[in-house]
Amino acid sequence: DILAMKRDVLDEAFRAAIDDVASLPKDKYQELMIKLLVSCTETGKGSIKVAKNDKDRLGSDFVKKANDVLKKSVGSGEVTILEEICDKAGGFVFCDDGLEIDCSVEAVVALMREKIETDAAGILFKED
């Protein structure tokens, strides 16, 4: 059925987007993840559970950069890395006082998908 085939094409496009984000160069990836982290905390405090695949890219140097940005933007930069990892393709889960915010690559792409899926379908399946 054509509708199912169109859905499969969209699913594949968004799966590819997850792979594209996860494979960004380290500096670009860290920039994106710092923006996500800054959006999670108004106090500059909290901790993150990093995805297994990102232990190297989102390690102590990432937290230092993120904390520097947080100090400038909210006055405090005290985010730490938890030993516990999150079961995601990439990114992290932000934790603070029992609150957890999913900042994984999958979650970011899912949010974007909600916003752009109709436009993407219109472009992919344009009928003249």
PDB file of N, CA and C in Angstrom:
ATOM      1  N   ASP A   1       0.842  -1.181   0.000  1.00  0.00           N
ATOM      2  CA  ASP A   1       0.000   0.000   0.000  1.00  0.00           C
ATOM      3  C   ASP A   1       0.888   1.245   0.000  1.00  0.00           C
ATOM      4  N   ILE A   2       0.480   2.244  -0.749  1.00  0.00           N
ATOM      5  CA  ILE A   2       1.308   3.431  -0.992  1.00  0.00           C
ATOM      6  C   ILE A   2       1.564   4.212   0.293  1.00  0.00           C
ATOM      7  N   LEU A   3       0.561   4.341   1.134  1.00  0.00           N
ATOM      8  CA  LEU A   3       0.733   5.080   2.384  1.00  0.00           C
ATOM      9  C   LEU A   3       1.803   4.437   3.271  1.00  0.00           C
ATOM     10  N   ALA A   4       1.779   3.113   3.358  1.00  0.00           N
ATOM     11  CA  ALA A   4       2.785   2.399   4.156  1.00  0.00           C
ATOM     12  C   ALA A   4       4.175   2.595   3.565  1.00  0.00           C
ATOM     13  N   MET A   5       4.274   2.592   2.250  1.00  0.00           N
ATOM     14  CA  MET A   5       5.577   2.804   1.603  1.00  0.00           C
ATOM     15  C   MET A   5       6.083   4.226   1.889  1.00  0.00           C
ATOM     16  N   LYS A   6       5.190   5.201   1.846  1.00  0.00           N
ATOM     17  CA  LYS A   6       5.589   6.576   2.143  1.00  0.00           C
ATOM     18  C   LYS A   6       6.057   6.689   3.595  1.00  0.00           C
ATOM     19  N   ARG A   7       5.347   6.029   4.482  1.00  0.00           N
ATOM     20  CA  ARG A   7       5.727   6.034   5.902  1.00  0.00           C
ATOM     21  C   ARG A   7       7.112   5.408   6.070  1.00  0.00           C
ATOM     22  N   ASP A   8       7.379   4.323   5.361  1.00  0.00           N
ATOM     23  CA  ASP A   8       8.685   3.669   5.429  1.00  0.00           C
ATOM     24  C   ASP A   8       9.798   4.606   4.951  1.00  0.00           C
ATOM     25  N   VAL A   9       9.528   5.353   3.893  1.00  0.00           N
ATOM     26  CA  VAL A   9      10.530   6.293   3.372  1.00  0.00           C
ATOM     27  C   VAL A   9      10.813   7.375   4.415  1.00  0.00           C
ATOM     28  N   LEU A  10       9.763   7.916   5.026  1.00  0.00           N
ATOM     29  CA  LEU A  10       9.962   8.928   6.072  1.00  0.00           C
ATOM     30  C   LEU A  10      10.717   8.354   7.270  1.00  0.00           C
ATOM     31  N   ASP A  11      10.332   7.135   7.682  1.00  0.00           N
ATOM     32  CA  ASP A  11      11.035   6.490   8.796  1.00  0.00           C
ATOM     33  C   ASP A  11      12.520   6.362   8.495  1.00  0.00           C
ATOM     34  N   GLU A  12      12.844   5.936   7.295  1.00  0.00           N
ATOM     35  CA  GLU A  12      14.243   5.762   6.906  1.00  0.00           C
ATOM     36  C   GLU A  12      14.973   7.103   6.869  1.00  0.00           C
ATOM     37  N   ALA A  13      14.312   8.140   6.391  1.00  0.00           N
ATOM     38  CA  ALA A  13      14.934   9.466   6.347  1.00  0.00           C
ATOM     39  C   ALA A  13      15.274   9.946   7.762  1.00  0.00           C
ATOM     40  N   PHE A  14      14.376   9.730   8.703  1.00  0.00           N
ATOM     41  CA  PHE A  14      14.648  10.173  10.076  1.00  0.00           C
ATOM     42  C   PHE A  14      15.651   9.265  10.780  1.00  0.00           C
ATOM     43  N   ARG A  15      15.698   7.978  10.437  1.00  0.00           N
ATOM     44  CA  ARG A  15      16.759   7.104  10.963  1.00  0.00           C
ATOM     45  C   ARG A  15      18.121   7.585  10.466  1.00  0.00           C
ATOM     46  N   ALA A  16      18.160   7.977   9.192  1.00  0.00           N
ATOM     47  CA  ALA A  16      19.408   8.488   8.624  1.00  0.00           C
ATOM     48  C   ALA A  16      19.817   9.786   9.323  1.00  0.00           C
ATOM     49  N   ALA A  17      18.840  10.604   9.704  1.00  0.00           N
ATOM     50  CA  ALA A  17      19.142  11.845  10.416  1.00  0.00           C
ATOM     51  C   ALA A  17      19.803  11.550  11.764  1.00  0.00           C
ATOM     52  N   ILE A  18      19.334  10.517  12.456  1.00  0.00           N
ATOM     53  CA  ILE A  18      19.955  10.114  13.726  1.00  0.00           C
ATOM     54  C   ILE A  18      21.415   9.749  13.479  1.00  0.00           C
ATOM     55  N   ASP A  19      21.666   8.960  12.440  1.00  0.00           N
ATOM     56  CA  ASP A  19      23.038   8.569  12.120  1.00  0.00           C
ATOM     57  C   ASP A  19      23.891   9.781  11.759  1.00  0.00           C
ATOM     58  N   ASP A  20      23.298  10.721  11.000  1.00  0.00           N
ATOM     59  CA  ASP A  20      24.041  11.917  10.589  1.00  0.00           C
ATOM     60  C   ASP A  20      24.439  12.760  11.799  1.00  0.00           C
ATOM     61  N   VAL A  21      23.518  12.962  12.718  1.00  0.00           N
ATOM     62  CA  VAL A  21      23.824  13.756  13.918  1.00  0.00           C
ATOM     63  C   VAL A  21      24.871  13.024  14.765  1.00  0.00           C
ATOM     64  N   ALA A  22      24.679  11.735  14.946  1.00  0.00           N
ATOM     65  CA  ALA A  22      25.610  10.953  15.773  1.00  0.00           C
ATOM     66  C   ALA A  22      27.014  10.923  15.186  1.00  0.00           C
ATOM     67  N   SER A  23      27.130  11.116  13.877  1.00  0.00           N
ATOM     68  CA  SER A  23      28.452  11.040  13.254  1.00  0.00           C
ATOM     69  C   SER A  23      29.050  12.418  12.931  1.00  0.00           C
ATOM     70  N   LEU A  24      28.490  13.464  13.511  1.00  0.00           N
ATOM     71  CA  LEU A  24      29.082  14.791  13.327  1.00  0.00           C
ATOM     72  C   LEU A  24      30.513  14.797  13.868  1.00  0.00           C
ATOM     73  N   PRO A  25      31.363  15.672  13.326  1.00  0.00           N
ATOM     74  CA  PRO A  25      32.708  15.818  13.903  1.00  0.00           C
ATOM     75  C   PRO A  25      32.608  16.221  15.372  1.00  0.00           C
ATOM     76  N   LYS A  26      33.596  15.817  16.158  1.00  0.00           N
ATOM     77  CA  LYS A  26      33.549  16.017  17.610  1.00  0.00           C
ATOM     78  C   LYS A  26      33.222  17.454  18.005  1.00  0.00           C
ATOM     79  N   ASP A  27      33.876  18.440  17.380  1.00  0.00           N
ATOM     80  CA  ASP A  27      33.648  19.832  17.789  1.00  0.00           C
ATOM     81  C   ASP A  27      32.213  20.278  17.503  1.00  0.00           C
ATOM     82  N   LYS A  28      31.675  19.921  16.355  1.00  0.00           N
ATOM     83  CA  LYS A  28      30.291  20.286  16.012  1.00  0.00           C
ATOM     84  C   LYS A  28      29.300  19.553  16.915  1.00  0.00           C
ATOM     85  N   TYR A  29      29.594  18.301  17.178  1.00  0.00           N
ATOM     86  CA  TYR A  29      28.727  17.493  18.035  1.00  0.00           C
ATOM     87  C   TYR A  29      28.700  18.075  19.452  1.00  0.00           C
ATOM     88  N   GLN A  30      29.877  18.431  19.961  1.00  0.00           N
ATOM     89  CA  GLN A  30      29.934  19.015  21.292  1.00  0.00           C
ATOM     90  C   GLN A  30      29.190  20.348  21.352  1.00  0.00           C
ATOM     91  N   GLU A  31      29.287  21.152  20.297  1.00  0.00           N
ATOM     92  CA  GLU A  31      28.547  22.416  20.252  1.00  0.00           C
ATOM     93  C   GLU A  31      27.046  22.160  20.395  1.00  0.00           C
ATOM     94  N   LEU A  32      26.547  21.194  19.647  1.00  0.00           N
ATOM     95  CA  LEU A  32      25.126  20.845  19.711  1.00  0.00           C
ATOM     96  C   LEU A  32      24.743  20.366  21.109  1.00  0.00           C
ATOM     97  N   MET A  33      25.552  19.484  21.670  1.00  0.00           N
ATOM     98  CA  MET A  33      25.247  18.931  22.988  1.00  0.00           C
ATOM     99  C   MET A  33      25.342  19.992  24.087  1.00  0.00           C
ATOM    100  N   ILE A  34      26.254  20.955  23.939  1.00  0.00           N
ATOM    101  CA  ILE A  34      26.347  22.047  24.914  1.00  0.00           C
ATOM    102  C   ILE A  34      25.072  22.890  24.859  1.00  0.00           C
ATOM    103  N   LYS A  35      24.585  23.172  23.660  1.00  0.00           N
ATOM    104  CA  LYS A  35      23.328  23.934  23.528  1.00  0.00           C
ATOM    105  C   LYS A  35      22.182  23.190  24.214  1.00  0.00           C
ATOM    106  N   LEU A  36      22.133  21.885  24.023  1.00  0.00           N
ATOM    107  CA  LEU A  36      21.091  21.097  24.683  1.00  0.00           C
ATOM    108  C   LEU A  36      21.234  21.154  26.202  1.00  0.00           C
ATOM    109  N   LEU A  37      22.454  21.006  26.673  1.00  0.00           N
ATOM    110  CA  LEU A  37      22.693  21.019  28.117  1.00  0.00           C
ATOM    111  C   LEU A  37      22.319  22.372  28.723  1.00  0.00           C
ATOM    112  N   VAL A  38      22.701  23.441  28.067  1.00  0.00           N
ATOM    113  CA  VAL A  38      22.368  24.784  28.562  1.00  0.00           C
ATOM    114  C   VAL A  38      20.848  24.958  28.633  1.00  0.00           C
ATOM    115  N   SER A  39      20.131  24.374  27.671  1.00  0.00           N
ATOM    116  CA  SER A  39      18.667  24.505  27.672  1.00  0.00           C
ATOM    117  C   SER A  39      18.014  23.696  28.800  1.00  0.00           C
ATOM    118  N   CYS A  40      18.744  22.775  29.388  1.00  0.00           N
ATOM    119  CA  CYS A  40      18.197  21.910  30.442  1.00  0.00           C
ATOM    120  C   CYS A  40      18.262  22.517  31.833  1.00  0.00           C
ATOM    121  N   THR A  41      19.226  23.369  32.079  1.00  0.00           N
ATOM    122  CA  THR A  41      19.451  23.825  33.451  1.00  0.00           C
ATOM    123  C   THR A  41      19.432  25.338  33.567  1.00  0.00           C
ATOM    124  N   GLU A  42      18.578  25.830  34.429  1.00  0.00           N
ATOM    125  CA  GLU A  42      18.539  27.261  34.710  1.00  0.00           C
ATOM    126  C   GLU A  42      19.522  27.634  35.802  1.00  0.00           C
ATOM    127  N   THR A  43      19.961  26.649  36.558  1.00  0.00           N
ATOM    128  CA  THR A  43      20.847  26.904  37.702  1.00  0.00           C
ATOM    129  C   THR A  43      22.313  26.632  37.394  1.00  0.00           C
ATOM    130  N   GLY A  44      22.589  25.934  36.286  1.00  0.00           N
ATOM    131  CA  GLY A  44      23.969  25.563  35.977  1.00  0.00           C
ATOM    132  C   GLY A  44      24.436  24.346  36.743  1.00  0.00           C
ATOM    133  N   LYS A  45      23.488  23.672  37.415  1.00  0.00           N
ATOM    134  CA  LYS A  45      23.824  22.494  38.210  1.00  0.00           C
ATOM    135  C   LYS A  45      23.088  21.283  37.669  1.00  0.00           C
ATOM    136  N   GLY A  46      23.585  20.106  38.002  1.00  0.00           N
ATOM    137  CA  GLY A  46      22.973  18.859  37.582  1.00  0.00           C
ATOM    138  C   GLY A  46      24.036  17.871  37.176  1.00  0.00           C
ATOM    139  N   SER A  47      23.612  16.794  36.574  1.00  0.00           N
ATOM    140  CA  SER A  47      24.559  15.786  36.112  1.00  0.00           C
ATOM    141  C   SER A  47      24.007  15.137  34.853  1.00  0.00           C
ATOM    142  N   ILE A  48      24.893  14.444  34.158  1.00  0.00           N
ATOM    143  CA  ILE A  48      24.478  13.797  32.911  1.00  0.00           C
ATOM    144  C   ILE A  48      24.890  12.331  32.896  1.00  0.00           C
ATOM    145  N   LYS A  49      23.998  11.517  32.323  1.00  0.00           N
ATOM    146  CA  LYS A  49      24.308  10.121  32.007  1.00  0.00           C
ATOM    147  C   LYS A  49      24.588  10.113  30.512  1.00  0.00           C
ATOM    148  N   VAL A  50      25.810   9.814  30.143  1.00  0.00           N
ATOM    149  CA  VAL A  50      26.235   9.866  28.746  1.00  0.00           C
ATOM    150  C   VAL A  50      25.968   8.522  28.072  1.00  0.00           C
ATOM    151  N   ALA A  51      25.603   8.581  26.795  1.00  0.00           N
ATOM    152  CA  ALA A  51      25.426   7.358  26.012  1.00  0.00           C
ATOM    153  C   ALA A  51      26.764   6.628  25.898  1.00  0.00           C
ATOM    154  N   LYS A  52      26.700   5.322  25.899  1.00  0.00           N
ATOM    155  CA  LYS A  52      27.915   4.500  25.831  1.00  0.00           C
ATOM    156  C   LYS A  52      28.799   4.911  24.653  1.00  0.00           C
ATOM    157  N   ASN A  53      28.178   5.141  23.493  1.00  0.00           N
ATOM    158  CA  ASN A  53      28.942   5.508  22.292  1.00  0.00           C
ATOM    159  C   ASN A  53      29.621   6.869  22.407  1.00  0.00           C
ATOM    160  N   ASP A  54      29.203   7.676  23.367  1.00  0.00           N
ATOM    161  CA  ASP A  54      29.719   9.037  23.484  1.00  0.00           C
ATOM    162  C   ASP A  54      30.639   9.257  24.672  1.00  0.00           C
ATOM    163  N   LYS A  55      31.062   8.190  25.321  1.00  0.00           N
ATOM    164  CA  LYS A  55      31.937   8.337  26.485  1.00  0.00           C
ATOM    165  C   LYS A  55      33.186   9.164  26.154  1.00  0.00           C
ATOM    166  N   ASP A  56      33.724   9.011  24.953  1.00  0.00           N
ATOM    167  CA  ASP A  56      34.917   9.772  24.565  1.00  0.00           C
ATOM    168  C   ASP A  56      34.575  11.200  24.148  1.00  0.00           C
ATOM    169  N   ARG A  57      33.537  11.355  23.333  1.00  0.00           N
ATOM    170  CA  ARG A  57      33.191  12.690  22.826  1.00  0.00           C
ATOM    171  C   ARG A  57      32.556  13.579  23.884  1.00  0.00           C
ATOM    172  N   LEU A  58      31.877  12.980  24.844  1.00  0.00           N
ATOM    173  CA  LEU A  58      31.215  13.761  25.888  1.00  0.00           C
ATOM    174  C   LEU A  58      31.820  13.438  27.252  1.00  0.00           C
ATOM    175  N   GLY A  59      33.117  13.553  27.306  1.00  0.00           N
ATOM    176  CA  GLY A  59      33.850  13.268  28.545  1.00  0.00           C
ATOM    177  C   GLY A  59      34.146  14.531  29.323  1.00  0.00           C
ATOM    178  N   SER A  60      35.257  14.505  30.057  1.00  0.00           N
ATOM    179  CA  SER A  60      35.590  15.614  30.955  1.00  0.00           C
ATOM    180  C   SER A  60      35.840  16.925  30.211  1.00  0.00           C
ATOM    181  N   ASP A  61      36.429  16.863  29.005  1.00  0.00           N
ATOM    182  CA  ASP A  61      36.652  18.105  28.253  1.00  0.00           C
ATOM    183  C   ASP A  61      35.319  18.734  27.841  1.00  0.00           C
ATOM    184  N   PHE A  62      34.333  17.905  27.487  1.00  0.00           N
ATOM    185  CA  PHE A  62      33.004  18.392  27.148  1.00  0.00           C
ATOM    186  C   PHE A  62      32.365  19.084  28.353  1.00  0.00           C
ATOM    187  N   VAL A  63      32.431  18.445  29.514  1.00  0.00           N
ATOM    188  CA  VAL A  63      31.814  19.013  30.717  1.00  0.00           C
ATOM    189  C   VAL A  63      32.488  20.330  31.090  1.00  0.00           C
ATOM    190  N   LYS A  64      33.816  20.403  30.933  1.00  0.00           N
ATOM    191  CA  LYS A  64      34.519  21.654  31.230  1.00  0.00           C
ATOM    192  C   LYS A  64      34.024  22.759  30.299  1.00  0.00           C
ATOM    193  N   LYS A  65      33.937  22.480  29.004  1.00  0.00           N
ATOM    194  CA  LYS A  65      33.437  23.482  28.047  1.00  0.00           C
ATOM    195  C   LYS A  65      31.999  23.878  28.386  1.00  0.00           C
ATOM    196  N   ALA A  66      31.173  22.886  28.659  1.00  0.00           N
ATOM    197  CA  ALA A  66      29.768  23.152  28.986  1.00  0.00           C
ATOM    198  C   ALA A  66      29.652  24.006  30.245  1.00  0.00           C
ATOM    199  N   ASN A  67      30.432  23.678  31.256  1.00  0.00           N
ATOM    200  CA  ASN A  67      30.388  24.452  32.501  1.00  0.00           C
ATOM    201  C   ASN A  67      30.871  25.883  32.287  1.00  0.00           C
ATOM    202  N   ASP A  68      31.853  26.075  31.409  1.00  0.00           N
ATOM    203  CA  ASP A  68      32.307  27.433  31.084  1.00  0.00           C
ATOM    204  C   ASP A  68      31.175  28.233  30.434  1.00  0.00           C
ATOM    205  N   VAL A  69      30.460  27.611  29.510  1.00  0.00           N
ATOM    206  CA  VAL A  69      29.328  28.270  28.854  1.00  0.00           C
ATOM    207  C   VAL A  69      28.227  28.561  29.868  1.00  0.00           C
ATOM    208  N   LEU A  70      27.944  27.595  30.736  1.00  0.00           N
ATOM    209  CA  LEU A  70      26.917  27.785  31.767  1.00  0.00           C
ATOM    210  C   LEU A  70      27.276  28.934  32.714  1.00  0.00           C
ATOM    211  N   LYS A  71      28.549  29.033  33.097  1.00  0.00           N
ATOM    212  CA  LYS A  71      28.971  30.122  33.989  1.00  0.00           C
ATOM    213  C   LYS A  71      28.670  31.480  33.351  1.00  0.00           C
ATOM    214  N   LYS A  72      28.930  31.578  32.041  1.00  0.00           N
ATOM    215  CA  LYS A  72      28.683  32.842  31.343  1.00  0.00           C
ATOM    216  C   LYS A  72      27.193  33.106  31.178  1.00  0.00           C
ATOM    217  N   SER A  73      26.413  32.070  30.941  1.00  0.00           N
ATOM    218  CA  SER A  73      24.995  32.281  30.636  1.00  0.00           C
ATOM    219  C   SER A  73      24.084  32.303  31.863  1.00  0.00           C
ATOM    220  N   VAL A  74      24.374  31.491  32.884  1.00  0.00           N
ATOM    221  CA  VAL A  74      23.489  31.458  34.062  1.00  0.00           C
ATOM    222  C   VAL A  74      24.221  31.739  35.378  1.00  0.00           C
ATOM    223  N   GLY A  75      25.526  31.976  35.299  1.00  0.00           N
ATOM    224  CA  GLY A  75      26.266  32.345  36.505  1.00  0.00           C
ATOM    225  C   GLY A  75      26.875  31.197  37.287  1.00  0.00           C
ATOM    226  N   SER A  76      26.568  29.967  36.894  1.00  0.00           N
ATOM    227  CA  SER A  76      27.113  28.796  37.588  1.00  0.00           C
ATOM    228  C   SER A  76      27.300  27.668  36.586  1.00  0.00           C
ATOM    229  N   GLY A  77      28.378  26.917  36.742  1.00  0.00           N
ATOM    230  CA  GLY A  77      28.635  25.765  35.888  1.00  0.00           C
ATOM    231  C   GLY A  77      29.148  24.610  36.718  1.00  0.00           C
ATOM    232  N   GLU A  78      28.217  23.816  37.224  1.00  0.00           N
ATOM    233  CA  GLU A  78      28.580  22.725  38.126  1.00  0.00           C
ATOM    234  C   GLU A  78      27.990  21.391  37.677  1.00  0.00           C
ATOM    235  N   VAL A  79      27.928  21.188  36.381  1.00  0.00           N
ATOM    236  CA  VAL A  79      27.400  19.920  35.855  1.00  0.00           C
ATOM    237  C   VAL A  79      28.491  18.863  35.938  1.00  0.00           C
ATOM    238  N   THR A  80      28.104  17.663  36.330  1.00  0.00           N
ATOM    239  CA  THR A  80      29.046  16.554  36.442  1.00  0.00           C
ATOM    240  C   THR A  80      28.573  15.377  35.590  1.00  0.00           C
ATOM    241  N   ILE A  81      29.483  14.447  35.343  1.00  0.00           N
ATOM    242  CA  ILE A  81      29.151  13.229  34.603  1.00  0.00           C
ATOM    243  C   ILE A  81      28.916  12.106  35.603  1.00  0.00           C
ATOM    244  N   LEU A  82      27.811  11.409  35.446  1.00  0.00           N
ATOM    245  CA  LEU A  82      27.536  10.239  36.279  1.00  0.00           C
ATOM    246  C   LEU A  82      28.243   9.018  35.699  1.00  0.00           C
ATOM    247  N   GLU A  83      28.574   8.074  36.545  1.00  0.00           N
ATOM    248  CA  GLU A  83      29.170   6.823  36.080  1.00  0.00           C
ATOM    249  C   GLU A  83      28.163   6.015  35.259  1.00  0.00           C
ATOM    250  N   GLU A  84      26.903   6.098  35.648  1.00  0.00           N
ATOM    251  CA  GLU A  84      25.841   5.369  34.955  1.00  0.00           C
ATOM    252  C   GLU A  84      25.719   5.897  33.524  1.00  0.00           C
ATOM    253  N   ILE A  85      25.592   4.984  32.571  1.00  0.00           N
ATOM    254  CA  ILE A  85      25.417   5.394  31.177  1.00  0.00           C
ATOM    255  C   ILE A  85      23.944   5.289  30.798  1.00  0.00           C
ATOM    256  N   CYS A  86      23.577   5.979  29.716  1.00  0.00           N
ATOM    257  CA  CYS A  86      22.208   5.850  29.215  1.00  0.00           C
ATOM    258  C   CYS A  86      22.230   4.996  27.956  1.00  0.00           C
ATOM    259  N   ASP A  87      21.174   4.255  27.754  1.00  0.00           N
ATOM    260  CA  ASP A  87      21.080   3.317  26.635  1.00  0.00           C
ATOM    261  C   ASP A  87      20.504   4.026  25.416  1.00  0.00           C
ATOM    262  N   LYS A  88      21.312   4.884  24.820  1.00  0.00           N
ATOM    263  CA  LYS A  88      20.903   5.673  23.660  1.00  0.00           C
ATOM    264  C   LYS A  88      21.985   5.582  22.594  1.00  0.00           C
ATOM    265  N   ALA A  89      21.630   5.953  21.376  1.00  0.00           N
ATOM    266  CA  ALA A  89      22.598   5.929  20.272  1.00  0.00           C
ATOM    267  C   ALA A  89      23.656   7.015  20.441  1.00  0.00           C
ATOM    268  N   GLY A  90      23.290   8.085  21.109  1.00  0.00           N
ATOM    269  CA  GLY A  90      24.207   9.185  21.324  1.00  0.00           C
ATOM    270  C   GLY A  90      23.549  10.229  22.205  1.00  0.00           C
ATOM    271  N   GLY A  91      24.367  11.147  22.719  1.00  0.00           N
ATOM    272  CA  GLY A  91      23.830  12.201  23.568  1.00  0.00           C
ATOM    273  C   GLY A  91      23.890  11.840  25.033  1.00  0.00           C
ATOM    274  N   PHE A  92      22.930  12.374  25.791  1.00  0.00           N
ATOM    275  CA  PHE A  92      22.945  12.182  27.234  1.00  0.00           C
ATOM    276  C   PHE A  92      21.546  12.357  27.799  1.00  0.00           C
ATOM    277  N   VAL A  93      21.411  11.976  29.059  1.00  0.00           N
ATOM    278  CA  VAL A  93      20.211  12.262  29.836  1.00  0.00           C
ATOM    279  C   VAL A  93      20.640  13.191  30.963  1.00  0.00           C
ATOM    280  N   PHE A  94      20.000  14.348  31.040  1.00  0.00           N
ATOM    281  CA  PHE A  94      20.301  15.326  32.077  1.00  0.00           C
ATOM    282  C   PHE A  94      19.498  14.984  33.323  1.00  0.00           C
ATOM    283  N   CYS A  95      20.147  15.009  34.482  1.00  0.00           N
ATOM    284  CA  CYS A  95      19.497  14.662  35.752  1.00  0.00           C
ATOM    285  C   CYS A  95      19.712  15.783  36.766  1.00  0.00           C
ATOM    286  N   ASP A  96      18.621  16.145  37.457  1.00  0.00           N
ATOM    287  CA  ASP A  96      18.724  17.141  38.514  1.00  0.00           C
ATOM    288  C   ASP A  96      17.529  17.004  39.442  1.00  0.00           C
ATOM    289  N   ASP A  97      17.791  16.688  40.703  1.00  0.00           N
ATOM    290  CA  ASP A  97      16.737  16.568  41.720  1.00  0.00           C
ATOM    291  C   ASP A  97      15.583  15.667  41.292  1.00  0.00           C
ATOM    292  N   GLY A  98      15.882  14.508  40.777  1.00  0.00           N
ATOM    293  CA  GLY A  98      14.848  13.553  40.386  1.00  0.00           C
ATOM    294  C   GLY A  98      14.268  13.800  39.004  1.00  0.00           C
ATOM    295  N   LEU A  99      14.597  14.920  38.388  1.00  0.00           N
ATOM    296  CA  LEU A  99      14.143  15.239  37.037  1.00  0.00           C
ATOM    297  C   LEU A  99      15.129  14.662  36.036  1.00  0.00           C
ATOM    298  N   GLU A 100      14.619  14.022  34.986  1.00  0.00           N
ATOM    299  CA  GLU A 100      15.484  13.541  33.908  1.00  0.00           C
ATOM    300  C   GLU A 100      14.967  14.095  32.591  1.00  0.00           C
ATOM    301  N   ILE A 101      15.883  14.670  31.805  1.00  0.00           N
ATOM    302  CA  ILE A 101      15.539  15.203  30.491  1.00  0.00           C
ATOM    303  C   ILE A 101      16.359  14.452  29.457  1.00  0.00           C
ATOM    304  N   ASP A 102      15.666  13.828  28.520  1.00  0.00           N
ATOM    305  CA  ASP A 102      16.302  13.032  27.479  1.00  0.00           C
ATOM    306  C   ASP A 102      16.876  13.949  26.398  1.00  0.00           C
ATOM    307  N   CYS A 103      18.180  14.055  26.361  1.00  0.00           N
ATOM    308  CA  CYS A 103      18.878  14.845  25.352  1.00  0.00           C
ATOM    309  C   CYS A 103      19.665  13.930  24.422  1.00  0.00           C
ATOM    310  N   SER A 104      19.098  12.760  24.192  1.00  0.00           N
ATOM    311  CA  SER A 104      19.751  11.822  23.279  1.00  0.00           C
ATOM    312  C   SER A 104      19.531  12.278  21.841  1.00  0.00           C
ATOM    313  N   VAL A 105      20.366  11.777  20.969  1.00  0.00           N
ATOM    314  CA  VAL A 105      20.219  12.082  19.548  1.00  0.00           C
ATOM    315  C   VAL A 105      18.837  11.650  19.068  1.00  0.00           C
ATOM    316  N   GLU A 106      18.377  10.494  19.533  1.00  0.00           N
ATOM    317  CA  GLU A 106      17.058   9.999  19.127  1.00  0.00           C
ATOM    318  C   GLU A 106      15.947  10.955  19.549  1.00  0.00           C
ATOM    319  N   ALA A 107      16.036  11.480  20.762  1.00  0.00           N
ATOM    320  CA  ALA A 107      15.006  12.384  21.269  1.00  0.00           C
ATOM    321  C   ALA A 107      14.996  13.695  20.494  1.00  0.00           C
ATOM    322  N   VAL A 108      16.180  14.207  20.182  1.00  0.00           N
ATOM    323  CA  VAL A 108      16.271  15.459  19.432  1.00  0.00           C
ATOM    324  C   VAL A 108      15.668  15.283  18.038  1.00  0.00           C
ATOM    325  N   VAL A 109      16.016  14.195  17.373  1.00  0.00           N
ATOM    326  CA  VAL A 109      15.470  13.945  16.031  1.00  0.00           C
ATOM    327  C   VAL A 109      13.956  13.715  16.106  1.00  0.00           C
ATOM    328  N   ALA A 110      13.488  13.031  17.135  1.00  0.00           N
ATOM    329  CA  ALA A 110      12.043  12.809  17.295  1.00  0.00           C
ATOM    330  C   ALA A 110      11.305  14.133  17.458  1.00  0.00           C
ATOM    331  N   LEU A 111      11.868  15.056  18.226  1.00  0.00           N
ATOM    332  CA  LEU A 111      11.245  16.373  18.378  1.00  0.00           C
ATOM    333  C   LEU A 111      11.224  17.124  17.054  1.00  0.00           C
ATOM    334  N   MET A 112      12.321  17.056  16.335  1.00  0.00           N
ATOM    335  CA  MET A 112      12.380  17.710  15.030  1.00  0.00           C
ATOM    336  C   MET A 112      11.386  17.061  14.064  1.00  0.00           C
ATOM    337  N   ARG A 113      11.265  15.756  14.163  1.00  0.00           N
ATOM    338  CA  ARG A 113      10.349  15.045  13.275  1.00  0.00           C
ATOM    339  C   ARG A 113       8.926  15.556  13.457  1.00  0.00           C
ATOM    340  N   GLU A 114       8.525  15.738  14.719  1.00  0.00           N
ATOM    341  CA  GLU A 114       7.179  16.247  14.988  1.00  0.00           C
ATOM    342  C   GLU A 114       6.959  17.592  14.314  1.00  0.00           C
ATOM    343  N   LYS A 115       7.991  18.421  14.291  1.00  0.00           N
ATOM    344  CA  LYS A 115       7.868  19.761  13.739  1.00  0.00           C
ATOM    345  C   LYS A 115       7.900  19.782  12.217  1.00  0.00           C
ATOM    346  N   ILE A 116       8.674  18.881  11.605  1.00  0.00           N
ATOM    347  CA  ILE A 116       8.907  18.999  10.156  1.00  0.00           C
ATOM    348  C   ILE A 116       8.361  17.855   9.315  1.00  0.00           C
ATOM    349  N   GLU A 117       7.755  16.867   9.932  1.00  0.00           N
ATOM    350  CA  GLU A 117       7.330  15.695   9.165  1.00  0.00           C
ATOM    351  C   GLU A 117       6.367  16.050   8.029  1.00  0.00           C
ATOM    352  N   THR A 118       5.418  16.916   8.283  1.00  0.00           N
ATOM    353  CA  THR A 118       4.459  17.275   7.246  1.00  0.00           C
ATOM    354  C   THR A 118       5.155  17.960   6.076  1.00  0.00           C
ATOM    355  N   ASP A 119       6.076  18.879   6.397  1.00  0.00           N
ATOM    356  CA  ASP A 119       6.828  19.565   5.332  1.00  0.00           C
ATOM    357  C   ASP A 119       7.706  18.580   4.566  1.00  0.00           C
ATOM    358  N   ALA A 120       8.357  17.677   5.314  1.00  0.00           N
ATOM    359  CA  ALA A 120       9.238  16.690   4.660  1.00  0.00           C
ATOM    360  C   ALA A 120       8.416  15.796   3.733  1.00  0.00           C
ATOM    361  N   ALA A 121       7.249  15.366   4.181  1.00  0.00           N
ATOM    362  CA  ALA A 121       6.389  14.528   3.340  1.00  0.00           C
ATOM    363  C   ALA A 121       5.969  15.285   2.092  1.00  0.00           C
ATOM    364  N   GLY A 122       5.655  16.565   2.248  1.00  0.00           N
ATOM    365  CA  GLY A 122       5.269  17.382   1.101  1.00  0.00           C
ATOM    366  C   GLY A 122       6.365  17.482   0.074  1.00  0.00           C
ATOM    367  N   ILE A 123       7.611  17.592   0.545  1.00  0.00           N
ATOM    368  CA  ILE A 123       8.758  17.692  -0.371  1.00  0.00           C
ATOM    369  C   ILE A 123       9.032  16.335  -1.017  1.00  0.00           C
ATOM    370  N   LEU A 124       9.056  15.279  -0.206  1.00  0.00           N
ATOM    371  CA  LEU A 124       9.380  13.944  -0.719  1.00  0.00           C
ATOM    372  C   LEU A 124       8.308  13.398  -1.674  1.00  0.00           C
ATOM    373  N   PHE A 125       7.070  13.710  -1.392  1.00  0.00           N
ATOM    374  CA  PHE A 125       5.982  13.082  -2.145  1.00  0.00           C
ATOM    375  C   PHE A 125       5.146  14.089  -2.924  1.00  0.00           C
ATOM    376  N   LYS A 126       5.804  15.143  -3.354  1.00  0.00           N
ATOM    377  CA  LYS A 126       5.137  16.197  -4.116  1.00  0.00           C
ATOM    378  C   LYS A 126       4.518  15.615  -5.381  1.00  0.00           C
ATOM    379  N   GLU A 127       3.252  15.929  -5.578  1.00  0.00           N
ATOM    380  CA  GLU A 127       2.555  15.442  -6.763  1.00  0.00           C
ATOM    381  C   GLU A 127       2.292  16.611  -7.677  1.00  0.00           C
ATOM    382  N   ASP A 128       2.770  16.509  -8.892  1.00  0.00           N
ATOM    383  CA  ASP A 128       2.573  17.586  -9.875  1.00  0.00           C
ATOM    384  C   ASP A 128       1.335  17.354 -10.702  1.00  0.00           C
TER     385      ASP A 128
END
